[in-house]
N, C-alpha and C. Protein backbone atom coordinates (compact mmCIF):
# COMPACT_ATOMS: atom_id res chain seq x y z
N MET A 1 -21.08 34.50 64.51
CA MET A 1 -20.29 34.61 63.23
C MET A 1 -20.73 35.93 62.57
N THR A 2 -19.88 36.71 61.96
CA THR A 2 -20.07 37.84 61.44
C THR A 2 -20.13 37.70 59.83
N ASN A 3 -20.71 38.68 59.21
CA ASN A 3 -20.78 38.62 57.79
C ASN A 3 -19.88 39.66 57.23
N GLU A 4 -18.67 40.09 57.92
CA GLU A 4 -17.78 40.97 57.46
C GLU A 4 -17.11 40.53 56.24
N GLN A 5 -16.98 41.45 55.27
CA GLN A 5 -16.10 41.12 54.12
C GLN A 5 -14.70 41.27 54.46
N VAL A 6 -13.98 40.10 54.09
CA VAL A 6 -12.52 40.14 54.20
C VAL A 6 -11.87 40.95 53.14
N LYS A 7 -11.11 41.93 53.34
CA LYS A 7 -10.52 42.76 52.47
C LYS A 7 -9.27 42.01 51.87
N PRO A 8 -9.05 41.98 50.66
CA PRO A 8 -7.83 41.28 50.04
C PRO A 8 -6.56 42.35 50.22
N THR A 9 -5.41 41.71 50.08
CA THR A 9 -4.13 42.40 50.02
C THR A 9 -3.91 42.74 48.54
N VAL A 10 -3.74 44.09 48.26
CA VAL A 10 -3.46 44.31 46.84
C VAL A 10 -2.02 44.36 46.59
N LEU A 11 -1.60 43.53 45.47
CA LEU A 11 -0.18 43.39 45.15
C LEU A 11 -0.03 44.05 43.83
N SER A 12 1.04 44.86 43.64
CA SER A 12 1.28 45.39 42.33
C SER A 12 1.73 44.48 41.18
N VAL A 13 1.14 44.65 39.96
CA VAL A 13 1.76 43.89 38.74
C VAL A 13 2.24 45.03 37.85
N PHE A 14 3.40 44.87 37.33
CA PHE A 14 4.13 45.89 36.74
C PHE A 14 5.15 45.33 35.66
N ARG A 15 5.46 46.17 34.75
CA ARG A 15 6.36 45.85 33.65
C ARG A 15 7.74 46.52 34.11
N GLY A 16 8.81 45.80 34.26
CA GLY A 16 10.07 46.17 34.72
C GLY A 16 11.19 46.12 33.95
N GLU A 17 12.24 46.77 34.29
CA GLU A 17 13.64 46.60 33.60
C GLU A 17 14.68 46.39 34.50
N LYS A 18 15.58 45.60 34.24
CA LYS A 18 16.72 45.34 35.15
C LYS A 18 17.78 46.38 35.06
N ASN A 19 18.18 47.03 36.17
CA ASN A 19 19.38 48.09 36.16
C ASN A 19 20.62 47.33 35.99
N ASN A 20 21.80 48.12 36.13
CA ASN A 20 23.24 47.52 35.74
C ASN A 20 23.61 46.68 36.84
N ILE A 21 22.93 46.68 38.14
CA ILE A 21 23.34 45.48 39.07
C ILE A 21 22.35 44.33 39.14
N GLY A 22 21.31 44.33 38.17
CA GLY A 22 20.43 43.22 37.92
C GLY A 22 19.06 43.45 38.82
N GLU A 23 18.89 44.63 39.41
CA GLU A 23 17.75 44.70 40.19
C GLU A 23 16.58 45.15 39.26
N VAL A 24 15.30 44.59 39.45
CA VAL A 24 14.18 45.05 38.76
C VAL A 24 13.78 46.35 39.09
N VAL A 25 13.52 47.32 38.06
CA VAL A 25 13.14 48.52 38.43
C VAL A 25 11.80 48.69 37.86
N PRO A 26 10.71 49.05 38.47
CA PRO A 26 9.34 49.23 37.81
C PRO A 26 9.21 50.31 36.76
N LYS A 27 8.66 50.02 35.76
CA LYS A 27 8.46 51.06 34.72
C LYS A 27 7.18 51.53 34.49
N ARG A 28 6.05 50.53 34.51
CA ARG A 28 4.63 50.90 34.26
C ARG A 28 3.86 49.85 34.91
N ARG A 29 2.75 50.23 35.65
CA ARG A 29 1.84 49.41 36.19
C ARG A 29 0.98 48.77 35.08
N VAL A 30 0.80 47.37 35.14
CA VAL A 30 -0.15 46.82 34.05
C VAL A 30 -1.16 45.91 34.73
N GLY A 31 -1.27 46.12 36.13
CA GLY A 31 -2.53 45.41 36.66
C GLY A 31 -2.21 45.33 38.13
N LYS A 32 -2.95 44.32 38.87
CA LYS A 32 -2.99 44.17 40.31
C LYS A 32 -3.34 42.87 40.54
N CYS A 33 -2.94 42.27 41.67
CA CYS A 33 -3.24 40.93 42.22
C CYS A 33 -4.01 41.12 43.57
N LEU A 34 -5.07 40.47 43.63
CA LEU A 34 -5.66 40.42 45.10
C LEU A 34 -5.53 39.18 45.63
N PHE A 35 -4.76 39.19 46.80
CA PHE A 35 -4.56 38.07 47.47
C PHE A 35 -5.43 37.94 48.73
N TYR A 36 -6.30 36.78 48.75
CA TYR A 36 -7.26 36.53 49.84
C TYR A 36 -6.44 35.68 50.77
N GLU A 37 -6.10 36.17 51.95
CA GLU A 37 -5.42 35.38 52.86
C GLU A 37 -6.05 34.13 53.55
N THR A 38 -7.43 34.40 53.78
CA THR A 38 -8.21 33.39 54.42
C THR A 38 -8.24 32.07 53.47
N SER A 39 -8.47 32.30 52.04
CA SER A 39 -8.57 31.12 51.23
C SER A 39 -7.23 30.86 50.40
N GLY A 40 -6.18 31.81 50.58
CA GLY A 40 -5.04 31.55 49.83
C GLY A 40 -5.08 31.81 48.32
N ASN A 41 -6.18 32.38 47.84
CA ASN A 41 -6.42 32.70 46.34
C ASN A 41 -5.58 33.92 45.96
N HIS A 42 -4.98 33.76 44.85
CA HIS A 42 -4.37 35.04 44.09
C HIS A 42 -5.23 35.34 42.90
N VAL A 43 -5.72 36.41 42.60
CA VAL A 43 -6.65 36.77 41.56
C VAL A 43 -5.84 37.89 40.78
N LEU A 44 -5.54 37.70 39.71
CA LEU A 44 -4.80 38.63 38.91
C LEU A 44 -5.79 39.42 38.00
N HIS A 45 -5.69 40.82 37.88
CA HIS A 45 -6.42 41.49 37.15
C HIS A 45 -5.45 42.39 36.32
N ILE A 46 -5.36 42.11 34.98
CA ILE A 46 -4.31 42.64 34.00
C ILE A 46 -5.07 43.51 33.12
N ASP A 47 -4.66 44.66 32.97
CA ASP A 47 -5.12 45.73 31.94
C ASP A 47 -4.28 45.54 30.55
N LEU A 48 -4.99 44.69 29.83
CA LEU A 48 -4.25 44.32 28.47
C LEU A 48 -4.56 45.50 27.49
N LEU A 49 -5.84 45.98 27.36
CA LEU A 49 -6.20 46.85 26.31
C LEU A 49 -6.91 48.01 27.12
N PRO A 50 -6.90 49.22 26.66
CA PRO A 50 -7.54 50.40 27.23
C PRO A 50 -8.96 50.07 27.42
N GLY A 51 -9.55 50.22 28.74
CA GLY A 51 -10.85 50.02 29.17
C GLY A 51 -11.22 48.61 29.34
N GLN A 52 -10.28 47.72 29.40
CA GLN A 52 -10.74 46.35 29.56
C GLN A 52 -9.66 45.76 30.59
N SER A 53 -10.21 44.92 31.43
CA SER A 53 -9.41 44.21 32.45
C SER A 53 -9.55 42.69 32.29
N HIS A 54 -8.48 41.94 32.38
CA HIS A 54 -8.64 40.58 32.19
C HIS A 54 -8.28 39.79 33.43
N THR A 55 -8.94 38.78 33.85
CA THR A 55 -8.84 38.28 35.22
C THR A 55 -8.04 36.72 34.89
N PHE A 56 -7.11 36.45 35.92
CA PHE A 56 -6.37 35.26 35.88
C PHE A 56 -6.14 34.84 37.25
N PHE A 57 -5.85 33.56 37.48
CA PHE A 57 -5.77 33.05 38.79
C PHE A 57 -4.19 32.41 38.88
N LEU A 58 -3.62 32.50 40.05
CA LEU A 58 -2.30 31.86 40.23
C LEU A 58 -2.78 30.62 41.18
N LYS A 59 -2.25 29.35 40.67
CA LYS A 59 -2.26 28.17 41.33
C LYS A 59 -1.02 27.54 41.45
N PRO A 60 -0.71 27.10 42.69
CA PRO A 60 0.59 26.49 42.95
C PRO A 60 1.00 25.22 41.93
N SER A 61 2.17 25.13 41.73
CA SER A 61 2.63 24.25 40.69
C SER A 61 3.61 23.31 41.29
N SER A 62 3.52 22.00 40.88
CA SER A 62 4.62 21.08 41.28
C SER A 62 5.68 20.80 40.25
N THR A 63 5.54 21.57 39.02
CA THR A 63 6.45 21.41 37.97
C THR A 63 7.71 22.19 38.32
N PRO A 64 8.83 21.48 37.97
CA PRO A 64 10.16 22.13 38.64
C PRO A 64 10.41 23.47 37.90
N ASP A 65 10.03 23.86 36.71
CA ASP A 65 10.44 25.15 36.15
C ASP A 65 9.52 26.23 36.50
N LYS A 66 8.45 26.04 37.26
CA LYS A 66 7.65 27.19 37.69
C LYS A 66 7.05 26.87 39.08
N ASP A 67 6.72 28.15 39.76
CA ASP A 67 6.47 28.06 41.10
C ASP A 67 4.87 28.10 41.13
N TYR A 68 4.32 28.74 40.07
CA TYR A 68 2.73 28.94 40.00
C TYR A 68 2.41 28.83 38.57
N ALA A 69 1.13 28.27 38.32
CA ALA A 69 0.54 28.27 37.00
C ALA A 69 -0.43 29.38 36.97
N ILE A 70 -0.48 30.17 35.76
CA ILE A 70 -1.35 31.14 35.57
C ILE A 70 -2.49 30.54 34.92
N CYS A 71 -3.66 30.78 35.39
CA CYS A 71 -4.76 30.00 34.85
C CYS A 71 -6.15 30.93 34.51
N ILE A 72 -6.79 30.63 33.60
CA ILE A 72 -8.02 31.26 33.37
C ILE A 72 -9.25 30.24 33.92
N LYS A 73 -10.25 30.90 34.31
CA LYS A 73 -11.46 29.96 34.97
C LYS A 73 -12.49 29.80 33.68
N GLU A 74 -12.80 28.59 33.35
CA GLU A 74 -13.83 28.40 32.40
C GLU A 74 -14.97 27.54 32.88
N PRO A 75 -16.16 27.73 32.52
CA PRO A 75 -17.35 27.01 32.94
C PRO A 75 -17.17 25.65 32.39
N MET A 76 -17.61 24.50 32.95
CA MET A 76 -17.45 23.22 32.42
C MET A 76 -18.88 23.02 31.66
N LYS A 77 -18.69 22.57 30.49
CA LYS A 77 -19.93 22.25 29.52
C LYS A 77 -20.77 21.10 30.07
N THR A 78 -20.20 20.12 30.68
CA THR A 78 -20.80 18.83 31.08
C THR A 78 -21.30 19.03 32.39
N GLU A 79 -20.98 19.94 33.28
CA GLU A 79 -21.48 20.08 34.59
C GLU A 79 -21.80 21.60 34.87
N PRO A 80 -22.92 22.10 34.54
CA PRO A 80 -23.22 23.49 34.72
C PRO A 80 -23.03 23.97 36.25
N GLY A 81 -22.48 25.14 36.43
CA GLY A 81 -22.23 25.65 37.74
C GLY A 81 -20.84 25.25 38.25
N LYS A 82 -20.15 24.43 37.55
CA LYS A 82 -18.77 24.07 38.03
C LYS A 82 -17.81 24.67 36.85
N HIS A 83 -16.52 24.89 37.39
CA HIS A 83 -15.53 25.48 36.71
C HIS A 83 -14.19 24.71 36.53
N LEU A 84 -13.53 24.86 35.56
CA LEU A 84 -12.25 24.24 35.20
C LEU A 84 -11.11 25.45 35.02
N PHE A 85 -10.06 25.34 35.67
CA PHE A 85 -9.02 26.15 35.51
C PHE A 85 -7.89 25.76 34.37
N ARG A 86 -7.77 26.42 33.39
CA ARG A 86 -6.97 25.98 32.18
C ARG A 86 -5.64 26.80 32.22
N GLU A 87 -4.39 26.20 32.24
CA GLU A 87 -3.12 26.93 32.38
C GLU A 87 -2.92 27.75 31.10
N VAL A 88 -2.54 28.88 31.24
CA VAL A 88 -2.13 29.80 30.12
C VAL A 88 -0.74 30.53 30.34
N GLY A 89 -0.06 30.18 31.38
CA GLY A 89 1.13 30.76 31.63
C GLY A 89 1.86 30.24 32.92
N LEU A 90 3.21 30.80 33.19
CA LEU A 90 3.61 30.42 34.38
C LEU A 90 4.16 31.71 35.18
N ALA A 91 4.61 31.46 36.46
CA ALA A 91 5.18 32.32 37.42
C ALA A 91 6.25 31.79 38.11
N ARG A 92 7.36 32.45 38.21
CA ARG A 92 8.61 31.92 38.86
C ARG A 92 9.02 32.92 39.87
N LEU A 93 9.33 32.53 41.17
CA LEU A 93 9.89 33.36 42.12
C LEU A 93 11.32 33.82 41.71
N CYS A 94 11.69 35.03 41.84
CA CYS A 94 12.93 35.64 41.38
C CYS A 94 14.03 35.46 42.42
N ASP A 95 15.21 35.39 42.07
CA ASP A 95 16.36 35.31 42.95
C ASP A 95 16.90 36.63 43.42
N ALA A 96 17.93 36.64 44.24
CA ALA A 96 18.41 37.96 44.73
C ALA A 96 19.11 38.71 43.51
N PRO A 97 18.93 39.91 43.30
CA PRO A 97 18.55 40.89 44.26
C PRO A 97 17.00 41.28 44.19
N ASN A 98 16.40 40.26 43.61
CA ASN A 98 14.83 40.62 43.26
C ASN A 98 13.89 39.65 44.20
N ASP A 99 14.53 39.33 45.42
CA ASP A 99 13.67 38.60 46.25
C ASP A 99 12.27 39.38 46.54
N GLY A 100 11.24 38.71 46.49
CA GLY A 100 9.96 39.28 46.74
C GLY A 100 9.21 39.64 45.57
N LEU A 101 9.70 39.18 44.41
CA LEU A 101 9.02 39.45 43.00
C LEU A 101 8.81 38.04 42.33
N LEU A 102 7.74 38.01 41.67
CA LEU A 102 7.24 36.85 40.80
C LEU A 102 7.45 37.36 39.32
N TYR A 103 8.16 36.51 38.52
CA TYR A 103 8.18 36.84 37.14
C TYR A 103 7.12 36.10 36.45
N LEU A 104 6.28 36.86 35.71
CA LEU A 104 4.98 36.29 35.07
C LEU A 104 5.25 36.09 33.53
N GLU A 105 4.86 35.14 33.06
CA GLU A 105 4.98 34.89 31.62
C GLU A 105 3.72 34.18 30.99
N TRP A 106 2.89 34.71 30.10
CA TRP A 106 1.74 34.21 29.53
C TRP A 106 2.18 33.46 28.29
N ASP A 107 1.52 32.32 27.90
CA ASP A 107 1.94 31.53 26.77
C ASP A 107 1.66 32.33 25.47
N PHE A 108 0.62 33.28 25.50
CA PHE A 108 0.34 33.92 24.30
C PHE A 108 1.01 35.33 24.16
N PHE A 109 1.85 35.75 25.32
CA PHE A 109 2.62 36.90 25.10
C PHE A 109 4.06 36.55 25.00
N GLY A 110 4.56 35.51 25.68
CA GLY A 110 5.84 35.24 25.76
C GLY A 110 6.40 36.05 26.79
N PRO A 111 7.92 36.10 26.83
CA PRO A 111 8.64 37.00 27.92
C PRO A 111 8.41 38.42 27.44
N ASN A 112 7.92 38.98 28.62
CA ASN A 112 7.59 40.61 28.41
C ASN A 112 8.00 41.30 29.69
N SER A 113 8.79 40.96 30.49
CA SER A 113 9.40 41.49 31.63
C SER A 113 8.16 42.09 32.43
N ILE A 114 7.22 41.17 32.78
CA ILE A 114 6.11 41.47 33.71
C ILE A 114 6.47 40.76 34.96
N TYR A 115 6.18 41.56 36.02
CA TYR A 115 6.61 41.16 37.36
C TYR A 115 5.48 41.37 38.40
N MET A 116 5.37 40.58 39.49
CA MET A 116 4.27 40.88 40.47
C MET A 116 4.97 40.92 41.87
N GLN A 117 4.60 41.82 42.69
CA GLN A 117 5.15 42.00 43.98
C GLN A 117 4.54 40.90 44.78
N THR A 118 5.39 40.28 45.69
CA THR A 118 4.73 39.25 46.54
C THR A 118 4.34 39.80 47.95
N LEU A 119 3.88 39.07 48.93
CA LEU A 119 3.66 39.59 50.15
C LEU A 119 4.95 39.92 50.96
N THR A 120 5.99 39.29 50.58
CA THR A 120 7.22 39.65 51.20
C THR A 120 7.73 41.05 50.83
N ALA A 121 7.65 41.32 49.64
CA ALA A 121 7.83 42.71 49.05
C ALA A 121 6.86 43.76 49.65
N SER A 122 5.50 43.39 49.84
CA SER A 122 4.60 44.28 50.35
C SER A 122 4.99 44.62 51.75
N SER A 123 5.35 43.62 52.46
CA SER A 123 5.59 43.93 53.98
C SER A 123 6.82 44.77 54.02
N GLU A 124 7.79 44.52 53.12
CA GLU A 124 9.05 45.33 53.34
C GLU A 124 8.79 46.74 52.99
N ILE A 125 7.91 47.10 51.91
CA ILE A 125 7.53 48.46 51.59
C ILE A 125 6.81 48.98 52.67
N GLN A 126 5.88 48.34 53.31
CA GLN A 126 5.08 48.98 54.56
C GLN A 126 6.06 49.20 55.74
N LYS A 127 7.01 48.49 55.90
CA LYS A 127 7.96 48.68 56.96
C LYS A 127 8.70 50.05 56.62
N ALA A 128 9.18 50.20 55.42
CA ALA A 128 9.98 51.23 55.07
C ALA A 128 9.24 52.50 55.09
N SER A 129 7.90 52.45 54.77
CA SER A 129 7.21 53.65 54.74
C SER A 129 6.51 54.12 56.23
N ALA A 130 6.90 53.22 57.18
CA ALA A 130 6.14 53.43 58.44
C ALA A 130 7.12 54.28 59.37
């Protein structure tokens, strides 16, 4: 067994606007998502304020109105060394013509036109650039 570090797939998180045909056009990068394929974890790094980065986690959701929950990781006060994931937003997969994007919405921001590229969009971009 090797101790090689597995490199995550970097996915873009951006503010976007819909054009006249309803397709989301990226306007400004607001962060990135690191996807660890071996564990299936999505770690969001959002640049909210200059010089600061805030970390969130995407967890699959069984609630009908969302595909993922956006969570923060908090230490448990009753059990040191263990963590609790607290939900602070939602993520929904977009429909055509924006297949391959997740719409992100934080409870404390509300709707802000923030999207995340998914693995599907990432592989399409890599194919187009090859």
